[in-house]
Amino acid sequence: MPERNLDFGKFGARGIKGHEAVARQLDALAGYIATPITARRGLQARLHYLTRTDHAQAAARAAGLTVTSRTLRAWLNGTRTPSRKNLAAIEQAYRTVRRENVARYLLARLNRGTRVEIHPLNQSQVGHPYQRPVEFRTLNVRHWDRIITAWAADDDQALDDAWVDQIADLGSQWGQYEYVTNIGFAA
């Protein structure tokens, strides 16, 4: 695809891929549990979220949490604690299930038309002759279907492709916004 940066950062520019900034913002909107999983309260909150309904339990199993019901009860009662491997599986299952649950809500809210603020990459370390003029831009995005679907599935490549299709609306210089310092929007 034209305008893609092949050697980003060669002259000292700093930033992250636009789709990663979008994923960060969507994660912030998802409202994950703030208490870390290593704290008892955080573990309990995640386990309650994953076991409160049959649908949540099925989604947790599909997301990779494959322990017995007896083990889950022991973790919930506090008689046993999960290993590091199981803590990682619980966290991953929790994030996956939370993304699936929040995706429909975010899609309904964002598809109404959402103003997205794109903060350009940081060129403070780039020599003056190599700096290019980039500025703060806004974009009104009305079609979030592919972006939300890719984010909920945790598919970076699909999210990148969907985001690039959206920023192509910026005009002929959309490639300047492939890497950014931040992307902001609200639902």
Protein backbone atom coordinates (compact mmCIF):
# COMPACT_ATOMS: atom_id res chain seq x y z
CA MET A 1 0.00 0.00 0.00
CA PRO A 2 1.45 3.43 -0.83
CA GLU A 3 2.40 5.83 1.95
CA ARG A 4 3.29 3.05 4.42
CA ASN A 5 6.38 3.81 6.48
CA LEU A 6 8.99 1.15 5.89
CA ASP A 7 11.79 2.51 8.06
CA PHE A 8 10.06 4.44 10.83
CA GLY A 9 12.35 6.10 13.36
CA LYS A 10 15.42 6.14 11.14
CA PHE A 11 16.00 9.84 11.82
CA GLY A 12 14.79 9.85 15.43
CA ALA A 13 11.02 10.19 15.14
CA ARG A 14 9.06 8.60 17.97
CA GLY A 15 5.53 7.30 18.13
CA ILE A 16 3.34 4.24 18.01
CA LYS A 17 1.24 2.73 15.25
CA GLY A 18 -2.17 4.36 14.97
CA HIS A 19 -4.03 1.09 15.44
CA GLU A 20 -2.16 0.49 18.72
CA ALA A 21 -3.27 3.91 19.97
CA VAL A 22 -6.86 3.11 18.95
CA ALA A 23 -6.65 -0.23 20.82
CA ARG A 24 -5.36 1.58 23.93
CA GLN A 25 -8.27 4.01 23.80
CA LEU A 26 -10.80 1.20 23.29
CA ASP A 27 -9.23 -0.67 26.22
CA ALA A 28 -9.65 2.46 28.35
CA LEU A 29 -13.31 2.68 27.31
CA ALA A 30 -13.83 -1.00 28.14
CA GLY A 31 -13.28 -0.21 31.82
CA TYR A 32 -11.22 -3.16 32.98
CA ILE A 33 -10.89 -3.92 36.69
CA ALA A 34 -8.22 -1.60 38.06
CA THR A 35 -6.99 -3.77 40.92
CA PRO A 36 -4.14 -6.02 39.74
CA ILE A 37 -4.80 -9.73 39.50
CA THR A 38 -2.01 -10.43 41.99
CA ALA A 39 -4.11 -8.81 44.74
CA ARG A 40 -6.81 -11.01 46.24
CA ARG A 41 -9.49 -8.43 45.49
CA GLY A 42 -8.49 -8.23 41.82
CA LEU A 43 -8.44 -12.00 41.44
CA GLN A 44 -11.85 -12.34 43.10
CA ALA A 45 -13.37 -9.63 40.90
CA ARG A 46 -12.11 -11.32 37.72
CA LEU A 47 -13.26 -14.76 38.84
CA HIS A 48 -16.72 -13.44 39.74
CA TYR A 49 -16.93 -11.76 36.32
CA LEU A 50 -15.97 -15.00 34.58
CA THR A 51 -18.26 -17.27 36.62
CA ARG A 52 -21.40 -15.27 37.37
CA THR A 53 -23.44 -16.76 34.49
CA ASP A 54 -23.35 -19.87 32.34
CA HIS A 55 -22.68 -17.68 29.30
CA ALA A 56 -19.69 -16.06 31.02
CA GLN A 57 -18.31 -19.47 32.03
CA ALA A 58 -18.65 -20.77 28.47
CA ALA A 59 -16.92 -17.65 27.12
CA ALA A 60 -14.13 -18.05 29.69
CA ARG A 61 -13.59 -21.65 28.64
CA ALA A 62 -13.56 -20.61 24.98
CA ALA A 63 -11.01 -17.91 25.86
CA GLY A 64 -8.63 -20.46 27.34
CA LEU A 65 -9.53 -20.84 31.02
CA THR A 66 -9.71 -24.64 31.18
CA VAL A 67 -9.76 -25.59 34.84
CA THR A 68 -12.31 -27.72 36.63
CA SER A 69 -15.32 -26.28 38.42
CA ARG A 70 -13.88 -27.59 41.68
CA THR A 71 -10.68 -25.60 41.18
CA LEU A 72 -12.66 -22.46 40.35
CA ARG A 73 -14.69 -22.85 43.55
CA ALA A 74 -11.51 -23.31 45.58
CA TRP A 75 -10.08 -20.11 44.07
CA LEU A 76 -13.31 -18.22 44.76
CA ASN A 77 -13.41 -19.46 48.37
CA GLY A 78 -9.77 -18.59 48.89
CA THR A 79 -8.72 -22.09 49.93
CA ARG A 80 -6.30 -22.33 46.98
CA THR A 81 -4.44 -19.77 44.94
CA PRO A 82 -3.76 -20.04 41.21
CA SER A 83 -0.26 -20.49 39.82
CA ARG A 84 1.37 -17.77 37.70
CA LYS A 85 0.39 -19.63 34.57
CA ASN A 86 -3.23 -19.79 35.73
CA LEU A 87 -3.17 -16.12 36.75
CA ALA A 88 -2.08 -15.25 33.20
CA ALA A 89 -4.86 -17.48 31.80
CA ILE A 90 -7.43 -15.82 34.07
CA GLU A 91 -6.28 -12.35 33.02
CA GLN A 92 -6.33 -13.24 29.32
CA ALA A 93 -9.76 -14.86 29.59
CA TYR A 94 -11.09 -11.88 31.53
CA ARG A 95 -9.85 -9.38 28.94
CA THR A 96 -11.20 -11.48 26.07
CA VAL A 97 -14.63 -11.90 27.64
CA ARG A 98 -14.78 -8.23 28.65
CA ARG A 99 -13.91 -7.12 25.12
CA GLU A 100 -16.62 -9.37 23.66
CA ASN A 101 -19.18 -8.04 26.13
CA VAL A 102 -18.31 -4.37 25.63
CA ALA A 103 -17.92 -4.55 21.82
CA ARG A 104 -21.65 -4.31 21.06
CA TYR A 105 -22.08 -1.31 23.34
CA LEU A 106 -19.07 0.49 21.91
CA LEU A 107 -20.17 -0.24 18.36
CA ALA A 108 -23.61 1.25 18.98
CA ARG A 109 -22.13 4.35 20.61
CA LEU A 110 -19.27 4.97 18.20
CA ASN A 111 -21.22 4.34 14.96
CA ARG A 112 -23.30 7.44 15.64
CA GLY A 113 -20.32 9.42 14.45
CA THR A 114 -17.30 9.99 16.64
CA ARG A 115 -14.76 12.78 16.39
CA VAL A 116 -11.27 11.30 16.57
CA GLU A 117 -8.31 13.50 17.51
CA ILE A 118 -5.00 12.42 16.01
CA HIS A 119 -1.86 13.76 17.65
CA PRO A 120 1.09 13.50 15.25
CA LEU A 121 4.34 11.69 15.87
CA ASN A 122 7.07 13.27 18.00
CA GLN A 123 9.80 14.80 15.83
CA SER A 124 11.73 16.57 18.60
CA GLN A 125 14.76 14.30 18.08
CA VAL A 126 14.71 14.60 14.27
CA GLY A 127 17.20 16.94 12.62
CA HIS A 128 15.63 20.05 11.13
CA PRO A 129 16.26 19.17 7.47
CA TYR A 130 14.51 15.81 7.95
CA GLN A 131 11.43 17.05 9.79
CA ARG A 132 8.18 17.04 7.88
CA PRO A 133 5.22 19.27 8.58
CA VAL A 134 2.60 17.33 10.50
CA GLU A 135 -0.12 18.82 12.61
CA PHE A 136 -2.92 17.87 14.96
CA ARG A 137 -5.84 16.51 12.91
CA THR A 138 -9.41 15.52 13.58
CA LEU A 139 -11.47 12.99 11.71
CA ASN A 140 -15.13 12.06 12.04
CA VAL A 141 -15.40 8.26 11.93
CA ARG A 142 -18.87 6.81 11.35
CA HIS A 143 -18.07 3.18 10.54
CA TRP A 144 -16.41 1.36 13.43
CA ASP A 145 -17.56 -2.17 12.57
CA ARG A 146 -14.23 -3.53 11.31
CA ILE A 147 -12.22 -1.69 13.97
CA ILE A 148 -14.33 -2.96 16.89
CA THR A 149 -14.51 -6.50 15.48
CA ALA A 150 -10.71 -6.66 15.09
CA TRP A 151 -10.17 -5.16 18.57
CA ALA A 152 -12.59 -7.62 20.20
CA ALA A 153 -10.83 -10.51 18.45
CA ASP A 154 -7.41 -9.10 19.45
CA ASP A 155 -6.29 -9.26 15.79
CA ASP A 156 -3.56 -6.64 15.26
CA GLN A 157 -3.28 -7.06 11.50
CA ALA A 158 -7.03 -6.70 10.92
CA LEU A 159 -7.11 -3.71 13.27
CA ASP A 160 -4.22 -2.08 11.40
CA ASP A 161 -5.94 -2.62 8.04
CA ALA A 162 -9.25 -1.27 9.34
CA TRP A 163 -7.57 1.79 10.87
CA VAL A 164 -5.59 2.54 7.69
CA ASP A 165 -8.85 2.39 5.71
CA GLN A 166 -10.29 5.04 8.05
CA ILE A 167 -7.33 7.41 8.00
CA ALA A 168 -7.23 7.29 4.20
CA ASP A 169 -10.05 9.86 4.52
CA LEU A 170 -7.44 12.39 5.67
CA GLY A 171 -6.41 12.91 2.07
CA SER A 172 -3.25 12.38 0.11
CA GLN A 173 -0.94 12.64 3.13
CA TRP A 174 -2.65 10.08 5.35
CA GLY A 175 0.62 8.14 5.65
CA GLN A 176 1.98 10.88 7.89
CA TYR A 177 -0.50 9.73 10.53
CA GLU A 178 0.32 6.02 10.41
CA TYR A 179 2.50 6.62 13.50
CA VAL A 180 1.19 8.95 16.20
CA THR A 181 1.81 9.97 19.78
CA ASN A 182 -1.84 9.62 20.78
CA ILE A 183 -5.35 9.14 19.42
CA GLY A 184 -8.30 10.31 21.44
CA PHE A 185 -12.07 9.83 21.21
CA ALA A 186 -14.93 9.24 23.62
CA ALA A 187 -17.98 6.99 23.57
